[in-house]
């Protein structure tokens, strides 16, 4: 099932990660998530918790608001 909100959130995370020249593996390590989880989040196929969003934002060095308001 494709959820548009999860997809957009995942694409925002991917965009910021690539802008910072970070691999999925590196983001996963910094946020204590598996590379498979990062991949699923970026594809929008994993419904993750808000706590995970904060971990990812912290690992990317951005505020959660920047992920939510990302214009790409």
PDB file of N, CA and C in Angstrom:
ATOM      1  N   UNK A   1       0.838  -1.191   0.000  1.00  0.00           N
ATOM      2  CA  UNK A   1       0.000   0.000   0.000  1.00  0.00           C
ATOM      3  C   UNK A   1       0.878   1.248   0.000  1.00  0.00           C
ATOM      4  N   UNK A   2       0.546   2.168  -0.822  1.00  0.00           N
ATOM      5  CA  UNK A   2       1.328   3.398  -0.952  1.00  0.00           C
ATOM      6  C   UNK A   2       0.619   4.515  -0.195  1.00  0.00           C
ATOM      7  N   UNK A   3       1.323   5.089   0.748  1.00  0.00           N
ATOM      8  CA  UNK A   3       0.785   6.198   1.522  1.00  0.00           C
ATOM      9  C   UNK A   3       1.520   7.471   1.086  1.00  0.00           C
ATOM     10  N   UNK A   4       0.780   8.416   0.549  1.00  0.00           N
ATOM     11  CA  UNK A   4       1.377   9.643  -0.012  1.00  0.00           C
ATOM     12  C   UNK A   4       2.173  10.433   1.023  1.00  0.00           C
ATOM     13  N   UNK A   5       1.673  10.535   2.239  1.00  0.00           N
ATOM     14  CA  UNK A   5       2.374  11.267   3.289  1.00  0.00           C
ATOM     15  C   UNK A   5       3.704  10.604   3.625  1.00  0.00           C
ATOM     16  N   UNK A   6       3.702   9.283   3.801  1.00  0.00           N
ATOM     17  CA  UNK A   6       4.946   8.569   4.099  1.00  0.00           C
ATOM     18  C   UNK A   6       5.930   8.685   2.943  1.00  0.00           C
ATOM     19  N   UNK A   7       5.406   8.649   1.713  1.00  0.00           N
ATOM     20  CA  UNK A   7       6.265   8.771   0.539  1.00  0.00           C
ATOM     21  C   UNK A   7       6.944  10.143   0.503  1.00  0.00           C
ATOM     22  N   UNK A   8       6.172  11.200   0.724  1.00  0.00           N
ATOM     23  CA  UNK A   8       6.739  12.557   0.706  1.00  0.00           C
ATOM     24  C   UNK A   8       7.749  12.749   1.834  1.00  0.00           C
ATOM     25  N   UNK A   9       7.448  12.216   2.998  1.00  0.00           N
ATOM     26  CA  UNK A   9       8.362  12.309   4.130  1.00  0.00           C
ATOM     27  C   UNK A   9       9.672  11.569   3.811  1.00  0.00           C
ATOM     28  N   UNK A  10       9.545  10.395   3.233  1.00  0.00           N
ATOM     29  CA  UNK A  10      10.716   9.618   2.843  1.00  0.00           C
ATOM     30  C   UNK A  10      11.560  10.324   1.797  1.00  0.00           C
ATOM     31  N   UNK A  11      10.902  10.934   0.835  1.00  0.00           N
ATOM     32  CA  UNK A  11      11.626  11.660  -0.209  1.00  0.00           C
ATOM     33  C   UNK A  11      12.344  12.882   0.356  1.00  0.00           C
ATOM     34  N   UNK A  12      11.731  13.516   1.331  1.00  0.00           N
ATOM     35  CA  UNK A  12      12.346  14.655   2.002  1.00  0.00           C
ATOM     36  C   UNK A  12      13.613  14.215   2.733  1.00  0.00           C
ATOM     37  N   UNK A  13      13.522  13.105   3.453  1.00  0.00           N
ATOM     38  CA  UNK A  13      14.693  12.564   4.159  1.00  0.00           C
ATOM     39  C   UNK A  13      15.780  12.205   3.160  1.00  0.00           C
ATOM     40  N   UNK A  14      15.404  11.565   2.071  1.00  0.00           N
ATOM     41  CA  UNK A  14      16.378  11.183   1.034  1.00  0.00           C
ATOM     42  C   UNK A  14      17.056  12.420   0.439  1.00  0.00           C
ATOM     43  N   UNK A  15      16.270  13.428   0.124  1.00  0.00           N
ATOM     44  CA  UNK A  15      16.804  14.648  -0.464  1.00  0.00           C
ATOM     45  C   UNK A  15      17.840  15.294   0.465  1.00  0.00           C
ATOM     46  N   UNK A  16      17.504  15.422   1.732  1.00  0.00           N
ATOM     47  CA  UNK A  16      18.423  16.032   2.701  1.00  0.00           C
ATOM     48  C   UNK A  16      19.661  15.166   2.875  1.00  0.00           C
ATOM     49  N   UNK A  17      19.471  13.848   2.939  1.00  0.00           N
ATOM     50  CA  UNK A  17      20.609  12.931   3.093  1.00  0.00           C
ATOM     51  C   UNK A  17      21.574  13.064   1.927  1.00  0.00           C
ATOM     52  N   UNK A  18      21.045  13.093   0.717  1.00  0.00           N
ATOM     53  CA  UNK A  18      21.904  13.213  -0.463  1.00  0.00           C
ATOM     54  C   UNK A  18      22.579  14.582  -0.530  1.00  0.00           C
ATOM     55  N   UNK A  19      21.860  15.617  -0.121  1.00  0.00           N
ATOM     56  CA  UNK A  19      22.431  16.962  -0.091  1.00  0.00           C
ATOM     57  C   UNK A  19      23.644  17.016   0.846  1.00  0.00           C
ATOM     58  N   UNK A  20      23.593  16.225   1.904  1.00  0.00           N
ATOM     59  CA  UNK A  20      24.679  16.181   2.872  1.00  0.00           C
ATOM     60  C   UNK A  20      25.717  15.115   2.520  1.00  0.00           C
ATOM     61  N   UNK A  21      25.558  14.522   1.321  1.00  0.00           N
ATOM     62  CA  UNK A  21      26.477  13.498   0.812  1.00  0.00           C
ATOM     63  C   UNK A  21      26.665  12.359   1.813  1.00  0.00           C
ATOM     64  N   UNK A  22      25.545  11.874   2.326  1.00  0.00           N
ATOM     65  CA  UNK A  22      25.547  10.804   3.308  1.00  0.00           C
ATOM     66  C   UNK A  22      24.901   9.567   2.683  1.00  0.00           C
ATOM     67  N   UNK A  23      25.480   8.409   2.932  1.00  0.00           N
ATOM     68  CA  UNK A  23      24.904   7.155   2.435  1.00  0.00           C
ATOM     69  C   UNK A  23      23.790   6.695   3.370  1.00  0.00           C
ATOM     70  N   UNK A  24      22.961   5.793   2.876  1.00  0.00           N
ATOM     71  CA  UNK A  24      21.922   5.207   3.723  1.00  0.00           C
ATOM     72  C   UNK A  24      22.562   4.456   4.883  1.00  0.00           C
ATOM     73  N   UNK A  25      23.659   3.803   4.613  1.00  0.00           N
ATOM     74  CA  UNK A  25      24.371   3.055   5.658  1.00  0.00           C
ATOM     75  C   UNK A  25      24.849   3.993   6.767  1.00  0.00           C
ATOM     76  N   UNK A  26      25.422   5.131   6.388  1.00  0.00           N
ATOM     77  CA  UNK A  26      25.906   6.099   7.369  1.00  0.00           C
ATOM     78  C   UNK A  26      24.752   6.684   8.190  1.00  0.00           C
ATOM     79  N   UNK A  27      23.649   7.025   7.526  1.00  0.00           N
ATOM     80  CA  UNK A  27      22.491   7.548   8.235  1.00  0.00           C
ATOM     81  C   UNK A  27      21.932   6.498   9.191  1.00  0.00           C
ATOM     82  N   UNK A  28      21.875   5.261   8.734  1.00  0.00           N
ATOM     83  CA  UNK A  28      21.401   4.176   9.581  1.00  0.00           C
ATOM     84  C   UNK A  28      22.269   4.007  10.817  1.00  0.00           C
ATOM     85  N   UNK A  29      23.581   4.051  10.623  1.00  0.00           N
ATOM     86  CA  UNK A  29      24.507   3.910  11.752  1.00  0.00           C
ATOM     87  C   UNK A  29      24.331   5.043  12.750  1.00  0.00           C
ATOM     88  N   UNK A  30      24.269   6.274  12.245  1.00  0.00           N
ATOM     89  CA  UNK A  30      24.139   7.438  13.125  1.00  0.00           C
ATOM     90  C   UNK A  30      22.806   7.466  13.867  1.00  0.00           C
ATOM     91  N   UNK A  31      21.773   6.920  13.266  1.00  0.00           N
ATOM     92  CA  UNK A  31      20.449   6.966  13.884  1.00  0.00           C
ATOM     93  C   UNK A  31      20.049   5.636  14.533  1.00  0.00           C
ATOM     94  N   UNK A  32      20.978   4.700  14.593  1.00  0.00           N
ATOM     95  CA  UNK A  32      20.735   3.366  15.185  1.00  0.00           C
ATOM     96  C   UNK A  32      19.607   2.610  14.493  1.00  0.00           C
ATOM     97  N   UNK A  33      19.549   2.752  13.162  1.00  0.00           N
ATOM     98  CA  UNK A  33      18.572   2.036  12.349  1.00  0.00           C
ATOM     99  C   UNK A  33      19.321   1.211  11.307  1.00  0.00           C
ATOM    100  N   UNK A  34      18.695   0.168  10.824  1.00  0.00           N
ATOM    101  CA  UNK A  34      19.330  -0.633   9.789  1.00  0.00           C
ATOM    102  C   UNK A  34      19.254   0.102   8.437  1.00  0.00           C
ATOM    103  N   UNK A  35      20.152  -0.276   7.557  1.00  0.00           N
ATOM    104  CA  UNK A  35      20.126   0.283   6.205  1.00  0.00           C
ATOM    105  C   UNK A  35      18.805  -0.067   5.525  1.00  0.00           C
ATOM    106  N   UNK A  36      18.290  -1.263   5.790  1.00  0.00           N
ATOM    107  CA  UNK A  36      16.997  -1.664   5.224  1.00  0.00           C
ATOM    108  C   UNK A  36      15.873  -0.759   5.717  1.00  0.00           C
ATOM    109  N   UNK A  37      15.926  -0.365   6.985  1.00  0.00           N
ATOM    110  CA  UNK A  37      14.900   0.539   7.531  1.00  0.00           C
ATOM    111  C   UNK A  37      14.973   1.901   6.867  1.00  0.00           C
ATOM    112  N   UNK A  38      16.181   2.428   6.708  1.00  0.00           N
ATOM    113  CA  UNK A  38      16.351   3.727   6.043  1.00  0.00           C
ATOM    114  C   UNK A  38      15.808   3.649   4.618  1.00  0.00           C
ATOM    115  N   UNK A  39      16.132   2.584   3.922  1.00  0.00           N
ATOM    116  CA  UNK A  39      15.651   2.400   2.551  1.00  0.00           C
ATOM    117  C   UNK A  39      14.126   2.362   2.506  1.00  0.00           C
ATOM    118  N   UNK A  40      13.519   1.604   3.413  1.00  0.00           N
ATOM    119  CA  UNK A  40      12.055   1.490   3.453  1.00  0.00           C
ATOM    120  C   UNK A  40      11.404   2.832   3.795  1.00  0.00           C
ATOM    121  N   UNK A  41      12.017   3.575   4.709  1.00  0.00           N
ATOM    122  CA  UNK A  41      11.499   4.900   5.074  1.00  0.00           C
ATOM    123  C   UNK A  41      11.550   5.827   3.868  1.00  0.00           C
ATOM    124  N   UNK A  42      12.661   5.831   3.153  1.00  0.00           N
ATOM    125  CA  UNK A  42      12.809   6.710   1.993  1.00  0.00           C
ATOM    126  C   UNK A  42      11.852   6.337   0.858  1.00  0.00           C
ATOM    127  N   UNK A  43      11.495   5.077   0.764  1.00  0.00           N
ATOM    128  CA  UNK A  43      10.536   4.631  -0.261  1.00  0.00           C
ATOM    129  C   UNK A  43       9.098   4.898   0.155  1.00  0.00           C
ATOM    130  N   UNK A  44       8.900   5.197   1.439  1.00  0.00           N
ATOM    131  CA  UNK A  44       7.552   5.441   1.933  1.00  0.00           C
ATOM    132  C   UNK A  44       6.797   4.173   2.255  1.00  0.00           C
ATOM    133  N   UNK A  45       7.518   3.078   2.427  1.00  0.00           N
ATOM    134  CA  UNK A  45       6.858   1.799   2.671  1.00  0.00           C
ATOM    135  C   UNK A  45       6.956   1.347   4.128  1.00  0.00           C
ATOM    136  N   UNK A  46       7.443   2.224   4.992  1.00  0.00           N
ATOM    137  CA  UNK A  46       7.594   1.884   6.404  1.00  0.00           C
ATOM    138  C   UNK A  46       6.959   2.985   7.255  1.00  0.00           C
ATOM    139  N   UNK A  47       5.939   2.622   8.020  1.00  0.00           N
ATOM    140  CA  UNK A  47       5.247   3.583   8.873  1.00  0.00           C
ATOM    141  C   UNK A  47       5.991   3.665  10.206  1.00  0.00           C
ATOM    142  N   UNK A  48       6.866   4.635  10.331  1.00  0.00           N
ATOM    143  CA  UNK A  48       7.731   4.736  11.504  1.00  0.00           C
ATOM    144  C   UNK A  48       7.183   5.703  12.539  1.00  0.00           C
ATOM    145  N   UNK A  49       7.739   5.622  13.740  1.00  0.00           N
ATOM    146  CA  UNK A  49       7.291   6.452  14.862  1.00  0.00           C
ATOM    147  C   UNK A  49       7.925   7.842  14.817  1.00  0.00           C
ATOM    148  N   UNK A  50       7.292   8.774  15.479  1.00  0.00           N
ATOM    149  CA  UNK A  50       7.802  10.151  15.551  1.00  0.00           C
ATOM    150  C   UNK A  50       9.178  10.176  16.216  1.00  0.00           C
ATOM    151  N   UNK A  51       9.403   9.280  17.152  1.00  0.00           N
ATOM    152  CA  UNK A  51      10.713   9.178  17.811  1.00  0.00           C
ATOM    153  C   UNK A  51      11.800   8.853  16.781  1.00  0.00           C
ATOM    154  N   UNK A  52      11.479   8.022  15.825  1.00  0.00           N
ATOM    155  CA  UNK A  52      12.418   7.679  14.755  1.00  0.00           C
ATOM    156  C   UNK A  52      12.689   8.888  13.876  1.00  0.00           C
ATOM    157  N   UNK A  53      11.670   9.682  13.612  1.00  0.00           N
ATOM    158  CA  UNK A  53      11.848  10.897  12.821  1.00  0.00           C
ATOM    159  C   UNK A  53      12.829  11.843  13.517  1.00  0.00           C
ATOM    160  N   UNK A  54      12.709  11.983  14.823  1.00  0.00           N
ATOM    161  CA  UNK A  54      13.637  12.826  15.577  1.00  0.00           C
ATOM    162  C   UNK A  54      15.059  12.274  15.530  1.00  0.00           C
ATOM    163  N   UNK A  55      15.212  10.955  15.601  1.00  0.00           N
ATOM    164  CA  UNK A  55      16.542  10.335  15.501  1.00  0.00           C
ATOM    165  C   UNK A  55      17.168  10.645  14.139  1.00  0.00           C
ATOM    166  N   UNK A  56      16.371  10.503  13.093  1.00  0.00           N
ATOM    167  CA  UNK A  56      16.861  10.748  11.738  1.00  0.00           C
ATOM    168  C   UNK A  56      17.229  12.219  11.573  1.00  0.00           C
ATOM    169  N   UNK A  57      16.365  13.114  12.031  1.00  0.00           N
ATOM    170  CA  UNK A  57      16.648  14.555  11.920  1.00  0.00           C
ATOM    171  C   UNK A  57      17.937  14.894  12.649  1.00  0.00           C
ATOM    172  N   UNK A  58      18.099  14.385  13.849  1.00  0.00           N
ATOM    173  CA  UNK A  58      19.311  14.633  14.628  1.00  0.00           C
ATOM    174  C   UNK A  58      20.546  14.105  13.896  1.00  0.00           C
ATOM    175  N   UNK A  59      20.432  12.929  13.324  1.00  0.00           N
ATOM    176  CA  UNK A  59      21.551  12.329  12.595  1.00  0.00           C
ATOM    177  C   UNK A  59      21.896  13.104  11.330  1.00  0.00           C
ATOM    178  N   UNK A  60      20.898  13.758  10.748  1.00  0.00           N
ATOM    179  CA  UNK A  60      21.129  14.582   9.552  1.00  0.00           C
ATOM    180  C   UNK A  60      21.572  16.001   9.917  1.00  0.00           C
ATOM    181  N   UNK A  61      21.470  16.340  11.196  1.00  0.00           N
ATOM    182  CA  UNK A  61      21.858  17.682  11.632  1.00  0.00           C
ATOM    183  C   UNK A  61      20.845  18.741  11.256  1.00  0.00           C
ATOM    184  N   UNK A  62      19.568  18.353  11.212  1.00  0.00           N
ATOM    185  CA  UNK A  62      18.497  19.299  10.879  1.00  0.00           C
ATOM    186  C   UNK A  62      17.394  19.183  11.924  1.00  0.00           C
ATOM    187  N   UNK A  63      16.491  20.156  11.915  1.00  0.00           N
ATOM    188  CA  UNK A  63      15.294  20.092  12.754  1.00  0.00           C
ATOM    189  C   UNK A  63      14.240  19.257  12.048  1.00  0.00           C
ATOM    190  N   UNK A  64      13.348  18.674  12.814  1.00  0.00           N
ATOM    191  CA  UNK A  64      12.246  17.910  12.234  1.00  0.00           C
ATOM    192  C   UNK A  64      11.450  18.788  11.272  1.00  0.00           C
ATOM    193  N   UNK A  65      11.320  20.057  11.615  1.00  0.00           N
ATOM    194  CA  UNK A  65      10.573  20.996  10.772  1.00  0.00           C
ATOM    195  C   UNK A  65      11.173  21.084   9.373  1.00  0.00           C
ATOM    196  N   UNK A  66      12.500  20.993   9.279  1.00  0.00           N
ATOM    197  CA  UNK A  66      13.148  21.066   7.975  1.00  0.00           C
ATOM    198  C   UNK A  66      12.778  19.857   7.118  1.00  0.00           C
ATOM    199  N   UNK A  67      12.634  18.703   7.747  1.00  0.00           N
ATOM    200  CA  UNK A  67      12.205  17.515   7.019  1.00  0.00           C
ATOM    201  C   UNK A  67      10.759  17.674   6.582  1.00  0.00           C
ATOM    202  N   UNK A  68       9.905  18.141   7.488  1.00  0.00           N
ATOM    203  CA  UNK A  68       8.486  18.277   7.193  1.00  0.00           C
ATOM    204  C   UNK A  68       8.195  19.352   6.143  1.00  0.00           C
ATOM    205  N   UNK A  69       9.031  20.397   6.105  1.00  0.00           N
ATOM    206  CA  UNK A  69       8.793  21.516   5.191  1.00  0.00           C
ATOM    207  C   UNK A  69       9.710  21.502   3.972  1.00  0.00           C
ATOM    208  N   UNK A  70      10.387  20.405   3.742  1.00  0.00           N
ATOM    209  CA  UNK A  70      11.369  20.323   2.648  1.00  0.00           C
ATOM    210  C   UNK A  70      10.699  20.570   1.306  1.00  0.00           C
ATOM    211  N   UNK A  71      11.285  21.457   0.535  1.00  0.00           N
ATOM    212  CA  UNK A  71      10.819  21.748  -0.824  1.00  0.00           C
ATOM    213  C   UNK A  71      11.914  21.276  -1.782  1.00  0.00           C
ATOM    214  N   UNK A  72      11.609  20.238  -2.517  1.00  0.00           N
ATOM    215  CA  UNK A  72      12.607  19.701  -3.445  1.00  0.00           C
ATOM    216  C   UNK A  72      12.041  19.560  -4.833  1.00  0.00           C
TER     217      UNK A  72
END
